[in-house]
Amino acid sequence: MALKTDKELKLYYSISEVAKMFDVNESLLRYWEKEFPMISPKKTGGNVRQYRKEDIENIRLVYHLVKEKGLTLSGARQRLRQNREGTMQTANVVERLKRIREELVSMRNELDYLT
């Protein structure tokens, strides 16, 4: 059984934490929030955004379509309307492949260090 990290145990994430996760500006997250109604973080009394896991998953989908696949915002909205499930599966596969690549690069670096 894998142990959960502190990040996985959190219920809410600040906008700065989410911006770091995706290496984007906080202003871009606020803009996407306006453009994609599915991104709707909870706001506290001081209008501080609190992102849930669902919000982060939705941001990950938008990030995948806009930043990785190069779609326009309207193209991303259309893709999500037409085939949200397929888009989610593709984004998950891409994420897993990135982690595998990171692990392989790490293994190669360790092997290089040993030789």
Protein backbone atom coordinates (compact mmCIF):
# COMPACT_ATOMS: atom_id res chain seq x y z
CA MET A 1 0.00 0.00 0.00
CA ALA A 2 1.42 3.38 -1.02
CA LEU A 3 1.54 6.14 1.55
CA LYS A 4 -0.16 9.38 0.61
CA THR A 5 1.92 12.53 0.60
CA ASP A 6 0.81 15.63 2.49
CA LYS A 7 -0.37 17.14 -0.81
CA GLU A 8 -2.69 14.19 -1.46
CA LEU A 9 -4.25 14.54 1.98
CA LYS A 10 -5.20 18.19 1.56
CA LEU A 11 -8.80 19.10 0.82
CA TYR A 12 -8.08 22.58 -0.50
CA TYR A 13 -5.16 24.18 -2.30
CA SER A 14 -4.36 27.87 -2.62
CA ILE A 15 -4.09 29.54 -5.99
CA SER A 16 -0.32 29.85 -5.54
CA GLU A 17 0.00 26.09 -4.89
CA VAL A 18 -2.06 25.27 -7.98
CA ALA A 19 -0.09 27.75 -10.09
CA LYS A 20 3.15 26.02 -9.01
CA MET A 21 1.70 22.58 -9.85
CA PHE A 22 1.19 23.67 -13.46
CA ASP A 23 4.03 26.21 -13.67
CA VAL A 24 1.63 28.98 -14.71
CA ASN A 25 0.78 32.43 -13.39
CA GLU A 26 -2.04 32.87 -10.91
CA SER A 27 -3.62 35.35 -13.32
CA LEU A 28 -3.89 32.60 -15.94
CA LEU A 29 -5.81 30.42 -13.48
CA ARG A 30 -8.19 33.29 -12.73
CA TYR A 31 -8.66 33.84 -16.47
CA TRP A 32 -9.37 30.14 -17.10
CA GLU A 33 -11.86 30.24 -14.25
CA LYS A 34 -13.82 32.86 -16.19
CA GLU A 35 -13.51 30.99 -19.50
CA PHE A 36 -14.30 27.48 -18.20
CA PRO A 37 -17.23 27.31 -15.74
CA MET A 38 -16.15 23.80 -14.72
CA ILE A 39 -13.24 25.44 -12.86
CA SER A 40 -15.00 26.88 -9.84
CA PRO A 41 -12.88 27.06 -6.72
CA LYS A 42 -14.57 27.77 -3.42
CA LYS A 43 -14.09 31.37 -2.31
CA THR A 44 -13.75 32.32 1.35
CA GLY A 45 -15.07 35.51 2.89
CA GLY A 46 -11.97 37.41 1.81
CA ASN A 47 -12.46 36.17 -1.77
CA VAL A 48 -9.54 33.76 -1.36
CA ARG A 49 -9.77 30.86 -3.79
CA GLN A 50 -9.62 27.32 -2.45
CA TYR A 51 -9.16 24.68 -5.13
CA ARG A 52 -10.48 21.14 -4.63
CA LYS A 53 -9.16 18.03 -6.35
CA GLU A 54 -11.98 18.28 -8.92
CA ASP A 55 -10.92 21.82 -9.77
CA ILE A 56 -7.31 20.70 -10.17
CA GLU A 57 -8.40 17.85 -12.46
CA ASN A 58 -10.38 20.33 -14.58
CA ILE A 59 -7.39 22.67 -14.73
CA ARG A 60 -5.25 19.72 -15.77
CA LEU A 61 -7.63 19.03 -18.66
CA VAL A 62 -7.57 22.66 -19.79
CA TYR A 63 -3.78 22.77 -19.40
CA HIS A 64 -3.43 19.60 -21.49
CA LEU A 65 -5.61 20.98 -24.29
CA VAL A 66 -4.27 24.53 -24.34
CA LYS A 67 -0.62 24.23 -23.32
CA GLU A 68 0.29 20.72 -24.45
CA LYS A 69 -1.94 20.24 -27.50
CA GLY A 70 -1.94 23.91 -28.55
CA LEU A 71 -5.71 24.38 -28.84
CA THR A 72 -7.31 27.80 -28.56
CA LEU A 73 -9.63 28.41 -25.63
CA SER A 74 -12.67 28.04 -27.87
CA GLY A 75 -11.18 24.84 -29.33
CA ALA A 76 -10.61 23.49 -25.83
CA ARG A 77 -14.19 24.34 -24.79
CA GLN A 78 -15.52 22.60 -27.89
CA ARG A 79 -13.36 19.51 -27.30
CA LEU A 80 -14.56 19.29 -23.69
CA ARG A 81 -18.19 19.60 -24.77
CA GLN A 82 -17.84 16.95 -27.48
CA ASN A 83 -15.66 14.38 -25.75
CA ARG A 84 -14.79 15.20 -22.16
CA GLU A 85 -14.29 11.55 -21.20
CA GLY A 86 -11.91 10.85 -24.09
CA THR A 87 -9.99 14.04 -23.36
CA MET A 88 -9.67 13.03 -19.71
CA GLN A 89 -8.34 9.59 -20.67
CA THR A 90 -5.80 11.11 -23.06
CA ALA A 91 -4.63 13.59 -20.42
CA ASN A 92 -4.24 10.74 -17.91
CA VAL A 93 -2.16 8.71 -20.36
CA VAL A 94 0.06 11.72 -21.10
CA GLU A 95 0.55 12.31 -17.36
CA ARG A 96 1.49 8.66 -16.75
CA LEU A 97 3.92 8.69 -19.67
CA LYS A 98 5.60 11.82 -18.27
CA ARG A 99 6.07 10.10 -14.90
CA ILE A 100 7.48 7.00 -16.59
CA ARG A 101 9.86 9.16 -18.60
CA GLU A 102 11.01 10.96 -15.43
CA GLU A 103 11.64 7.62 -13.75
CA LEU A 104 13.60 6.31 -16.75
CA VAL A 105 15.70 9.49 -16.92
CA SER A 106 16.38 9.16 -13.21
CA MET A 107 17.44 5.53 -13.66
CA ARG A 108 19.70 6.48 -16.58
CA ASN A 109 21.32 9.21 -14.50
CA GLU A 110 21.95 6.77 -11.67
CA LEU A 111 23.49 4.28 -14.09
CA ASP A 112 25.67 7.02 -15.60
CA TYR A 113 26.80 7.92 -12.09
CA LEU A 114 27.78 4.32 -11.38
CA THR A 115 29.83 3.91 -14.55
